[in-house]
C-alpha cells in the first residue's frame, strides 16, 4: 500500500487557490483566491469578467494604462471576487485568512483591509509596491509561501514591509 501524505492546512488551501486560478478567464494573469476562517472555506474567487459579461479569453482584454503600466480592466480580481462572494451569501470575512496565487494589487489590498481579513498567504509577487504598505498599515500579516521539500508543499515566511516611503499631500 502506498504511503499517503496528508497535506497541511496551508498546503491544502494553497492548492485550492491554484485550482481556483485554473477558472480565470484573463490570459494576462490567472489568479485564484480562497478565504478561510477556522480551517473552513468561506469563499473562493478567480479573476474573470463581471457576471454575464464577455470573458477576455473570448473577446480579448480591455487594456488601459494604470500606474504607468498596461492593465486589463475587464476582469474582477480573484481577491475581490472572494470578498464579494461572502457579501452575496451573507458571510462575514472578518478575521479570515486569504490564500492567493499572487500578491494583491492596491485595490484588492484596500478591500481586504476593509473586509477584516487578518492574514494573506501568497505564492507569487505582484509588481505593486503600494499594496504592501496598505496591507501593513491595515494590520494584515503577510506570508510568502516558499516551495518545500515535497511536491505541492510549502513553508510560510512572514513578510515584513519596512522602510516604505509615504508622501504627505
N, C-alpha and C. Protein backbone atom coordinates (compact mmCIF):
# COMPACT_ATOMS: atom_id res chain seq x y z
N UNK A 1 0.85 -1.19 0.00
CA UNK A 1 0.00 0.00 0.00
C UNK A 1 0.89 1.25 0.00
N UNK A 2 0.60 2.18 -0.89
CA UNK A 2 1.39 3.41 -1.00
C UNK A 2 1.15 4.31 0.21
N UNK A 3 2.20 5.00 0.61
CA UNK A 3 2.08 5.90 1.77
C UNK A 3 1.35 7.17 1.35
N UNK A 4 0.39 7.54 2.12
CA UNK A 4 -0.38 8.75 1.86
C UNK A 4 0.15 9.89 2.73
N UNK A 5 0.41 11.03 2.09
CA UNK A 5 0.83 12.21 2.84
C UNK A 5 -0.34 13.19 2.88
N UNK A 6 -0.86 13.38 4.05
CA UNK A 6 -1.97 14.32 4.22
C UNK A 6 -1.39 15.74 4.20
N UNK A 7 -1.94 16.62 3.34
CA UNK A 7 -1.38 17.97 3.26
C UNK A 7 -1.66 18.78 4.53
N UNK A 8 -0.75 19.69 4.84
CA UNK A 8 -1.00 20.64 5.93
C UNK A 8 -2.16 21.53 5.49
N UNK A 9 -2.74 22.26 6.43
CA UNK A 9 -3.83 23.18 6.08
C UNK A 9 -3.34 24.21 5.07
N UNK A 10 -2.14 24.77 5.29
CA UNK A 10 -1.63 25.77 4.35
C UNK A 10 -1.46 25.18 2.96
N UNK A 11 -0.88 23.99 2.86
CA UNK A 11 -0.71 23.35 1.55
C UNK A 11 -2.06 23.11 0.88
N UNK A 12 -3.02 22.65 1.67
CA UNK A 12 -4.37 22.36 1.18
C UNK A 12 -5.01 23.61 0.58
N UNK A 13 -4.98 24.72 1.32
CA UNK A 13 -5.63 25.94 0.84
C UNK A 13 -4.86 26.60 -0.31
N UNK A 14 -3.54 26.48 -0.32
CA UNK A 14 -2.78 27.00 -1.46
C UNK A 14 -3.08 26.21 -2.72
N UNK A 15 -3.25 24.89 -2.59
CA UNK A 15 -3.63 24.08 -3.75
C UNK A 15 -5.04 24.47 -4.24
N UNK A 16 -5.93 24.79 -3.30
CA UNK A 16 -7.26 25.25 -3.69
C UNK A 16 -7.19 26.57 -4.46
N UNK A 17 -6.31 27.48 -4.01
CA UNK A 17 -6.14 28.75 -4.71
C UNK A 17 -5.62 28.51 -6.13
N UNK A 18 -4.68 27.58 -6.28
CA UNK A 18 -4.18 27.25 -7.61
C UNK A 18 -5.28 26.65 -8.48
N UNK A 19 -6.12 25.82 -7.89
CA UNK A 19 -7.24 25.24 -8.64
C UNK A 19 -8.23 26.33 -9.05
N UNK A 20 -8.53 27.26 -8.14
CA UNK A 20 -9.42 28.38 -8.48
C UNK A 20 -8.84 29.19 -9.64
N UNK A 21 -7.52 29.37 -9.65
CA UNK A 21 -6.87 30.13 -10.73
C UNK A 21 -7.09 29.48 -12.09
N UNK A 22 -7.28 28.18 -12.11
CA UNK A 22 -7.50 27.49 -13.38
C UNK A 22 -8.83 27.88 -14.02
N UNK A 23 -9.73 28.52 -13.25
CA UNK A 23 -11.01 29.02 -13.77
C UNK A 23 -10.90 30.44 -14.32
N UNK A 24 -9.78 31.11 -14.10
CA UNK A 24 -9.62 32.51 -14.51
C UNK A 24 -9.80 32.65 -16.02
N UNK A 25 -10.36 33.79 -16.42
CA UNK A 25 -10.67 33.98 -17.84
C UNK A 25 -9.88 35.11 -18.49
N UNK A 26 -8.85 35.62 -17.81
CA UNK A 26 -7.99 36.65 -18.41
C UNK A 26 -6.61 36.04 -18.63
N UNK A 27 -6.16 35.98 -19.88
CA UNK A 27 -4.87 35.34 -20.17
C UNK A 27 -3.66 36.12 -19.67
N UNK A 28 -3.84 37.38 -19.30
CA UNK A 28 -2.70 38.19 -18.83
C UNK A 28 -2.20 37.72 -17.48
N UNK A 29 -3.11 37.25 -16.62
CA UNK A 29 -2.73 36.76 -15.30
C UNK A 29 -3.88 35.90 -14.81
N UNK A 30 -3.59 34.68 -14.45
CA UNK A 30 -4.62 33.76 -13.94
C UNK A 30 -4.40 33.61 -12.44
N UNK A 31 -5.32 34.22 -11.69
CA UNK A 31 -5.17 34.32 -10.24
C UNK A 31 -6.34 33.61 -9.55
N UNK A 32 -6.03 32.94 -8.45
CA UNK A 32 -7.05 32.30 -7.64
C UNK A 32 -6.89 32.70 -6.19
N UNK A 33 -8.01 32.70 -5.45
CA UNK A 33 -8.00 33.10 -4.05
C UNK A 33 -9.01 32.27 -3.26
N UNK A 34 -8.68 32.01 -2.00
CA UNK A 34 -9.56 31.28 -1.10
C UNK A 34 -9.57 32.01 0.23
N UNK A 35 -10.75 32.38 0.71
CA UNK A 35 -10.91 32.99 2.03
C UNK A 35 -11.27 31.89 3.02
N UNK A 36 -10.54 31.85 4.14
CA UNK A 36 -10.67 30.76 5.11
C UNK A 36 -10.75 31.33 6.52
N UNK A 37 -11.57 30.71 7.34
CA UNK A 37 -11.57 31.01 8.78
C UNK A 37 -11.76 29.70 9.53
N UNK A 38 -10.93 29.49 10.55
CA UNK A 38 -11.01 28.27 11.37
C UNK A 38 -10.96 27.00 10.52
N UNK A 39 -10.08 26.99 9.54
CA UNK A 39 -9.88 25.84 8.65
C UNK A 39 -11.11 25.50 7.82
N UNK A 40 -11.98 26.46 7.61
CA UNK A 40 -13.18 26.27 6.80
C UNK A 40 -13.19 27.30 5.67
N UNK A 41 -13.52 26.86 4.48
CA UNK A 41 -13.57 27.75 3.32
C UNK A 41 -14.82 28.62 3.41
N UNK A 42 -14.60 29.93 3.34
CA UNK A 42 -15.72 30.88 3.30
C UNK A 42 -16.14 31.17 1.87
N UNK A 43 -15.14 31.34 0.99
CA UNK A 43 -15.42 31.68 -0.41
C UNK A 43 -14.16 31.48 -1.23
N UNK A 44 -14.36 31.32 -2.53
CA UNK A 44 -13.25 31.27 -3.47
C UNK A 44 -13.47 32.36 -4.51
N UNK A 45 -12.42 32.69 -5.23
CA UNK A 45 -12.53 33.67 -6.30
C UNK A 45 -11.43 33.47 -7.32
N UNK A 46 -11.68 33.93 -8.52
CA UNK A 46 -10.67 33.94 -9.58
C UNK A 46 -10.92 35.18 -10.41
N UNK A 47 -9.90 35.62 -11.16
CA UNK A 47 -10.11 36.81 -11.96
C UNK A 47 -10.89 36.45 -13.22
N UNK A 48 -11.97 37.19 -13.40
CA UNK A 48 -12.85 36.96 -14.53
C UNK A 48 -13.78 38.14 -14.73
N UNK A 49 -14.51 38.10 -15.80
CA UNK A 49 -15.40 39.22 -16.14
C UNK A 49 -16.55 39.34 -15.14
N UNK A 50 -17.23 40.47 -15.21
CA UNK A 50 -18.41 40.66 -14.37
C UNK A 50 -19.48 39.66 -14.80
N UNK A 51 -20.38 39.37 -13.89
CA UNK A 51 -21.45 38.40 -14.14
C UNK A 51 -22.17 38.74 -15.45
N UNK A 52 -22.20 37.78 -16.37
CA UNK A 52 -22.89 37.96 -17.64
C UNK A 52 -22.07 38.66 -18.71
N UNK A 53 -20.90 39.19 -18.35
CA UNK A 53 -20.08 39.91 -19.31
C UNK A 53 -19.19 38.99 -20.12
N UNK A 54 -18.64 39.50 -21.21
CA UNK A 54 -17.75 38.68 -22.04
C UNK A 54 -16.40 38.46 -21.33
N UNK A 55 -15.80 37.33 -21.59
CA UNK A 55 -14.51 36.97 -21.00
C UNK A 55 -13.36 37.39 -21.91
N UNK A 56 -12.26 37.79 -21.28
CA UNK A 56 -11.05 38.14 -22.05
C UNK A 56 -10.64 36.99 -22.96
N UNK A 57 -10.74 35.76 -22.48
CA UNK A 57 -10.38 34.60 -23.29
C UNK A 57 -11.20 34.55 -24.59
N UNK A 58 -12.41 35.11 -24.56
CA UNK A 58 -13.30 35.06 -25.72
C UNK A 58 -13.21 36.29 -26.62
N UNK A 59 -13.09 37.49 -26.00
CA UNK A 59 -13.16 38.73 -26.80
C UNK A 59 -11.93 39.60 -26.68
N UNK A 60 -10.97 39.19 -25.88
CA UNK A 60 -9.76 39.98 -25.70
C UNK A 60 -9.84 40.83 -24.44
N UNK A 61 -8.69 41.30 -24.04
CA UNK A 61 -8.59 42.12 -22.83
C UNK A 61 -8.97 43.56 -23.12
N UNK A 62 -9.43 44.26 -22.10
CA UNK A 62 -9.75 45.68 -22.19
C UNK A 62 -8.63 46.41 -21.45
N UNK A 63 -7.64 46.88 -22.19
CA UNK A 63 -6.40 47.39 -21.61
C UNK A 63 -6.43 48.92 -21.49
N UNK A 64 -6.06 49.40 -20.31
CA UNK A 64 -5.83 50.82 -20.08
C UNK A 64 -4.52 50.94 -19.31
N UNK A 65 -3.94 52.12 -19.31
CA UNK A 65 -2.72 52.32 -18.53
C UNK A 65 -3.10 52.77 -17.12
N UNK A 66 -2.59 52.04 -16.14
CA UNK A 66 -2.80 52.37 -14.73
C UNK A 66 -1.45 52.33 -14.03
N UNK A 67 -1.14 53.39 -13.30
CA UNK A 67 0.13 53.47 -12.58
C UNK A 67 1.32 53.21 -13.49
N UNK A 68 1.24 53.71 -14.71
CA UNK A 68 2.36 53.62 -15.64
C UNK A 68 2.55 52.29 -16.32
N UNK A 69 1.58 51.37 -16.19
CA UNK A 69 1.72 50.08 -16.88
C UNK A 69 0.35 49.63 -17.41
N UNK A 70 0.35 48.86 -18.48
CA UNK A 70 -0.93 48.40 -19.04
C UNK A 70 -1.63 47.44 -18.09
N UNK A 71 -2.94 47.60 -17.99
CA UNK A 71 -3.73 46.77 -17.08
C UNK A 71 -5.07 46.44 -17.73
N UNK A 72 -5.52 45.21 -17.53
CA UNK A 72 -6.83 44.79 -18.05
C UNK A 72 -7.90 45.18 -17.03
N UNK A 73 -8.89 45.93 -17.48
CA UNK A 73 -9.96 46.36 -16.56
C UNK A 73 -11.27 45.61 -16.81
N UNK A 74 -11.25 44.63 -17.69
CA UNK A 74 -12.47 43.85 -17.94
C UNK A 74 -12.77 42.92 -16.77
N UNK A 75 -11.74 42.49 -16.05
CA UNK A 75 -11.92 41.47 -15.03
C UNK A 75 -12.05 42.02 -13.62
N UNK A 76 -12.75 41.27 -12.79
CA UNK A 76 -12.79 41.49 -11.35
C UNK A 76 -11.71 40.57 -10.78
N UNK A 77 -10.86 41.11 -9.92
CA UNK A 77 -9.75 40.32 -9.38
C UNK A 77 -10.22 39.22 -8.45
N UNK A 78 -9.42 38.18 -8.35
CA UNK A 78 -9.75 36.99 -7.56
C UNK A 78 -10.06 37.32 -6.11
N UNK A 79 -9.22 38.16 -5.50
CA UNK A 79 -9.40 38.51 -4.08
C UNK A 79 -10.73 39.22 -3.87
N UNK A 80 -11.03 40.17 -4.76
CA UNK A 80 -12.29 40.91 -4.65
C UNK A 80 -13.48 39.99 -4.91
N UNK A 81 -13.35 39.08 -5.87
CA UNK A 81 -14.44 38.12 -6.12
C UNK A 81 -14.73 37.27 -4.90
N UNK A 82 -13.69 36.86 -4.16
CA UNK A 82 -13.91 36.07 -2.94
C UNK A 82 -14.63 36.90 -1.88
N UNK A 83 -14.21 38.15 -1.70
CA UNK A 83 -14.88 39.04 -0.74
C UNK A 83 -16.33 39.26 -1.14
N UNK A 84 -16.56 39.51 -2.43
CA UNK A 84 -17.93 39.75 -2.91
C UNK A 84 -18.80 38.51 -2.78
N UNK A 85 -18.20 37.33 -2.93
CA UNK A 85 -18.96 36.09 -2.75
C UNK A 85 -19.44 35.98 -1.31
N UNK A 86 -18.58 36.38 -0.37
CA UNK A 86 -19.01 36.41 1.04
C UNK A 86 -20.20 37.36 1.21
N UNK A 87 -20.10 38.54 0.61
CA UNK A 87 -21.16 39.54 0.75
C UNK A 87 -22.47 39.02 0.17
N UNK A 88 -22.43 38.43 -1.01
CA UNK A 88 -23.63 37.90 -1.66
C UNK A 88 -24.31 36.84 -0.80
N UNK A 89 -23.49 36.04 -0.11
CA UNK A 89 -24.03 34.94 0.69
C UNK A 89 -24.21 35.28 2.16
N UNK A 90 -23.98 36.54 2.54
CA UNK A 90 -24.18 36.95 3.92
C UNK A 90 -23.20 36.33 4.90
N UNK A 91 -21.96 36.13 4.45
CA UNK A 91 -20.93 35.52 5.29
C UNK A 91 -19.88 36.58 5.62
N UNK A 92 -19.58 36.74 6.89
CA UNK A 92 -18.57 37.70 7.30
C UNK A 92 -17.18 37.19 6.93
N UNK A 93 -16.34 38.09 6.42
CA UNK A 93 -14.95 37.74 6.13
C UNK A 93 -14.02 38.21 7.24
N UNK A 94 -14.59 38.74 8.32
CA UNK A 94 -13.78 39.25 9.44
C UNK A 94 -12.93 38.12 10.03
N UNK A 95 -11.69 38.47 10.36
CA UNK A 95 -10.74 37.54 11.00
C UNK A 95 -10.43 36.32 10.13
N UNK A 96 -10.47 36.49 8.83
CA UNK A 96 -10.18 35.38 7.92
C UNK A 96 -8.75 35.48 7.39
N UNK A 97 -8.34 34.42 6.72
CA UNK A 97 -7.05 34.37 6.03
C UNK A 97 -7.32 34.20 4.55
N UNK A 98 -6.63 34.98 3.73
CA UNK A 98 -6.74 34.84 2.28
C UNK A 98 -5.52 34.08 1.78
N UNK A 99 -5.76 32.99 1.08
CA UNK A 99 -4.71 32.26 0.38
C UNK A 99 -4.86 32.63 -1.09
N UNK A 100 -3.79 33.11 -1.72
CA UNK A 100 -3.90 33.53 -3.11
C UNK A 100 -2.64 33.20 -3.90
N UNK A 101 -2.83 33.05 -5.19
CA UNK A 101 -1.71 32.70 -6.04
C UNK A 101 -0.77 33.88 -6.24
N UNK A 102 -1.29 35.11 -6.17
CA UNK A 102 -0.49 36.30 -6.41
C UNK A 102 -0.69 37.32 -5.30
N UNK A 103 0.34 38.10 -5.02
CA UNK A 103 0.24 39.17 -4.03
C UNK A 103 -0.84 40.15 -4.50
N UNK A 104 -1.70 40.62 -3.62
CA UNK A 104 -2.80 41.52 -4.02
C UNK A 104 -2.32 42.87 -4.56
N UNK A 105 -3.07 43.41 -5.49
CA UNK A 105 -2.82 44.76 -6.00
C UNK A 105 -3.33 45.77 -4.97
N UNK A 106 -3.12 47.05 -5.24
CA UNK A 106 -3.54 48.09 -4.31
C UNK A 106 -5.05 48.09 -4.07
N UNK A 107 -5.83 47.98 -5.13
CA UNK A 107 -7.29 47.97 -4.97
C UNK A 107 -7.76 46.81 -4.13
N UNK A 108 -7.22 45.63 -4.37
CA UNK A 108 -7.60 44.46 -3.58
C UNK A 108 -7.09 44.58 -2.15
N UNK A 109 -5.91 45.16 -1.97
CA UNK A 109 -5.37 45.36 -0.62
C UNK A 109 -6.33 46.21 0.20
N UNK A 110 -6.83 47.29 -0.38
CA UNK A 110 -7.78 48.15 0.35
C UNK A 110 -9.05 47.38 0.70
N UNK A 111 -9.55 46.58 -0.24
CA UNK A 111 -10.76 45.80 0.00
C UNK A 111 -10.52 44.77 1.10
N UNK A 112 -9.36 44.13 1.12
CA UNK A 112 -9.05 43.13 2.14
C UNK A 112 -8.99 43.75 3.53
N UNK A 113 -8.40 44.93 3.64
CA UNK A 113 -8.36 45.63 4.93
C UNK A 113 -9.78 45.94 5.39
N UNK A 114 -10.58 46.49 4.51
CA UNK A 114 -11.94 46.88 4.87
C UNK A 114 -12.82 45.67 5.18
N UNK A 115 -12.51 44.52 4.58
CA UNK A 115 -13.30 43.30 4.81
C UNK A 115 -12.90 42.57 6.09
N UNK A 116 -11.87 43.06 6.78
CA UNK A 116 -11.47 42.47 8.05
C UNK A 116 -10.57 41.25 7.95
N UNK A 117 -9.97 41.04 6.78
CA UNK A 117 -9.04 39.93 6.61
C UNK A 117 -7.83 40.20 7.51
N UNK A 118 -7.31 39.17 8.19
CA UNK A 118 -6.19 39.39 9.12
C UNK A 118 -4.86 38.86 8.62
N UNK A 119 -4.88 37.92 7.65
CA UNK A 119 -3.65 37.37 7.09
C UNK A 119 -3.81 37.15 5.59
N UNK A 120 -2.70 37.32 4.87
CA UNK A 120 -2.64 36.99 3.45
C UNK A 120 -1.45 36.07 3.24
N UNK A 121 -1.71 34.92 2.61
CA UNK A 121 -0.67 33.96 2.24
C UNK A 121 -0.66 33.93 0.71
N UNK A 122 0.51 34.18 0.11
CA UNK A 122 0.58 34.28 -1.34
C UNK A 122 1.74 33.46 -1.90
N UNK A 123 1.60 33.09 -3.17
CA UNK A 123 2.63 32.30 -3.85
C UNK A 123 3.59 33.17 -4.65
N UNK A 124 3.06 34.13 -5.41
CA UNK A 124 3.88 34.92 -6.33
C UNK A 124 3.80 36.41 -6.02
N UNK A 125 4.87 37.10 -6.33
CA UNK A 125 4.92 38.56 -6.15
C UNK A 125 4.06 39.24 -7.21
N UNK A 126 3.73 40.49 -6.96
CA UNK A 126 2.98 41.31 -7.91
C UNK A 126 3.67 42.66 -7.97
N UNK A 127 3.82 43.25 -9.15
CA UNK A 127 4.59 44.49 -9.28
C UNK A 127 3.84 45.74 -8.80
N UNK A 128 3.48 45.77 -7.52
CA UNK A 128 2.75 46.92 -6.97
C UNK A 128 3.28 47.18 -5.56
N UNK A 129 4.22 48.11 -5.46
CA UNK A 129 4.87 48.39 -4.18
C UNK A 129 3.90 48.96 -3.14
N UNK A 130 2.88 49.65 -3.56
CA UNK A 130 1.97 50.31 -2.62
C UNK A 130 1.03 49.35 -1.90
N UNK A 131 0.71 48.23 -2.49
CA UNK A 131 -0.24 47.32 -1.85
C UNK A 131 0.31 46.77 -0.54
N UNK A 132 1.59 46.51 -0.46
CA UNK A 132 2.20 46.03 0.78
C UNK A 132 2.07 47.05 1.89
N UNK A 133 2.21 48.32 1.54
CA UNK A 133 2.07 49.40 2.53
C UNK A 133 0.65 49.43 3.07
N UNK A 134 -0.32 49.32 2.17
CA UNK A 134 -1.73 49.35 2.58
C UNK A 134 -2.05 48.16 3.48
N UNK A 135 -1.58 46.99 3.10
CA UNK A 135 -1.83 45.80 3.92
C UNK A 135 -1.16 45.93 5.29
N UNK A 136 0.07 46.40 5.30
CA UNK A 136 0.79 46.60 6.57
C UNK A 136 0.06 47.60 7.45
N UNK A 137 -0.28 48.75 6.89
CA UNK A 137 -0.96 49.79 7.66
C UNK A 137 -2.34 49.33 8.13
N UNK A 138 -2.95 48.41 7.40
CA UNK A 138 -4.25 47.86 7.78
C UNK A 138 -4.16 46.72 8.78
N UNK A 139 -2.94 46.39 9.20
CA UNK A 139 -2.77 45.36 10.22
C UNK A 139 -2.87 43.94 9.72
N UNK A 140 -2.69 43.74 8.43
CA UNK A 140 -2.76 42.40 7.87
C UNK A 140 -1.36 41.78 7.86
N UNK A 141 -1.24 40.58 8.41
CA UNK A 141 0.03 39.86 8.41
C UNK A 141 0.20 39.21 7.03
N UNK A 142 1.42 39.28 6.51
CA UNK A 142 1.72 38.76 5.17
C UNK A 142 2.68 37.59 5.25
N UNK A 143 2.38 36.53 4.49
CA UNK A 143 3.22 35.34 4.46
C UNK A 143 3.44 34.92 3.02
N UNK A 144 4.70 34.76 2.64
CA UNK A 144 5.05 34.23 1.31
C UNK A 144 5.21 32.72 1.44
N UNK A 145 4.55 31.99 0.56
CA UNK A 145 4.66 30.53 0.53
C UNK A 145 5.86 30.16 -0.34
N UNK A 146 6.84 29.53 0.29
CA UNK A 146 8.07 29.11 -0.38
C UNK A 146 7.97 27.60 -0.63
N UNK A 147 8.29 27.13 -1.86
CA UNK A 147 8.21 25.69 -2.10
C UNK A 147 9.01 24.89 -1.07
N UNK A 148 8.40 23.81 -0.59
CA UNK A 148 9.03 22.95 0.42
C UNK A 148 9.76 21.79 -0.22
N UNK A 149 9.99 20.76 0.57
CA UNK A 149 10.76 19.60 0.12
C UNK A 149 9.96 18.66 -0.77
N UNK A 150 8.69 18.54 -0.50
CA UNK A 150 7.86 17.61 -1.26
C UNK A 150 7.08 18.32 -2.35
N UNK A 151 6.41 17.52 -3.19
CA UNK A 151 5.57 18.08 -4.24
C UNK A 151 4.36 18.78 -3.62
N UNK A 152 4.09 19.99 -4.07
CA UNK A 152 2.95 20.78 -3.59
C UNK A 152 3.00 21.03 -2.08
N UNK A 153 4.20 21.17 -1.53
CA UNK A 153 4.34 21.52 -0.13
C UNK A 153 5.02 22.89 -0.04
N UNK A 154 4.70 23.61 1.00
CA UNK A 154 5.21 24.96 1.17
C UNK A 154 5.59 25.20 2.62
N UNK A 155 6.48 26.15 2.81
CA UNK A 155 6.74 26.69 4.14
C UNK A 155 6.44 28.17 4.05
N UNK A 156 5.86 28.72 5.09
CA UNK A 156 5.47 30.12 5.08
C UNK A 156 6.53 30.97 5.75
N UNK A 157 6.86 32.08 5.09
CA UNK A 157 7.83 33.04 5.61
C UNK A 157 7.10 34.36 5.75
N UNK A 158 7.12 34.93 6.95
CA UNK A 158 6.45 36.20 7.16
C UNK A 158 7.19 37.31 6.44
N UNK A 159 6.44 38.15 5.76
CA UNK A 159 6.98 39.27 5.01
C UNK A 159 6.81 40.52 5.85
N UNK A 160 7.90 41.23 6.02
CA UNK A 160 7.89 42.46 6.81
C UNK A 160 8.06 43.63 5.85
N UNK A 161 7.03 44.43 5.69
CA UNK A 161 7.10 45.60 4.82
C UNK A 161 7.68 46.75 5.64
N UNK A 162 8.94 47.05 5.40
CA UNK A 162 9.64 48.11 6.14
C UNK A 162 10.15 49.17 5.19
N UNK A 163 10.44 50.29 5.76
CA UNK A 163 11.12 51.33 5.02
C UNK A 163 10.34 51.87 3.83
N UNK A 164 9.07 51.59 3.80
CA UNK A 164 8.27 52.09 2.70
C UNK A 164 8.11 53.60 2.87
N UNK A 165 8.27 54.29 1.79
CA UNK A 165 8.17 55.74 1.84
C UNK A 165 6.73 56.16 1.55
N UNK A 166 6.23 57.03 2.37
CA UNK A 166 4.90 57.58 2.12
C UNK A 166 5.05 59.08 1.89
N UNK A 167 4.11 59.64 1.22
CA UNK A 167 4.16 61.05 0.88
C UNK A 167 3.00 61.78 1.50
N UNK A 168 3.27 62.94 2.06
CA UNK A 168 2.19 63.80 2.55
C UNK A 168 1.64 64.58 1.38
N UNK A 169 0.34 64.77 1.39
CA UNK A 169 -0.29 65.53 0.30
C UNK A 169 -0.06 67.02 0.49
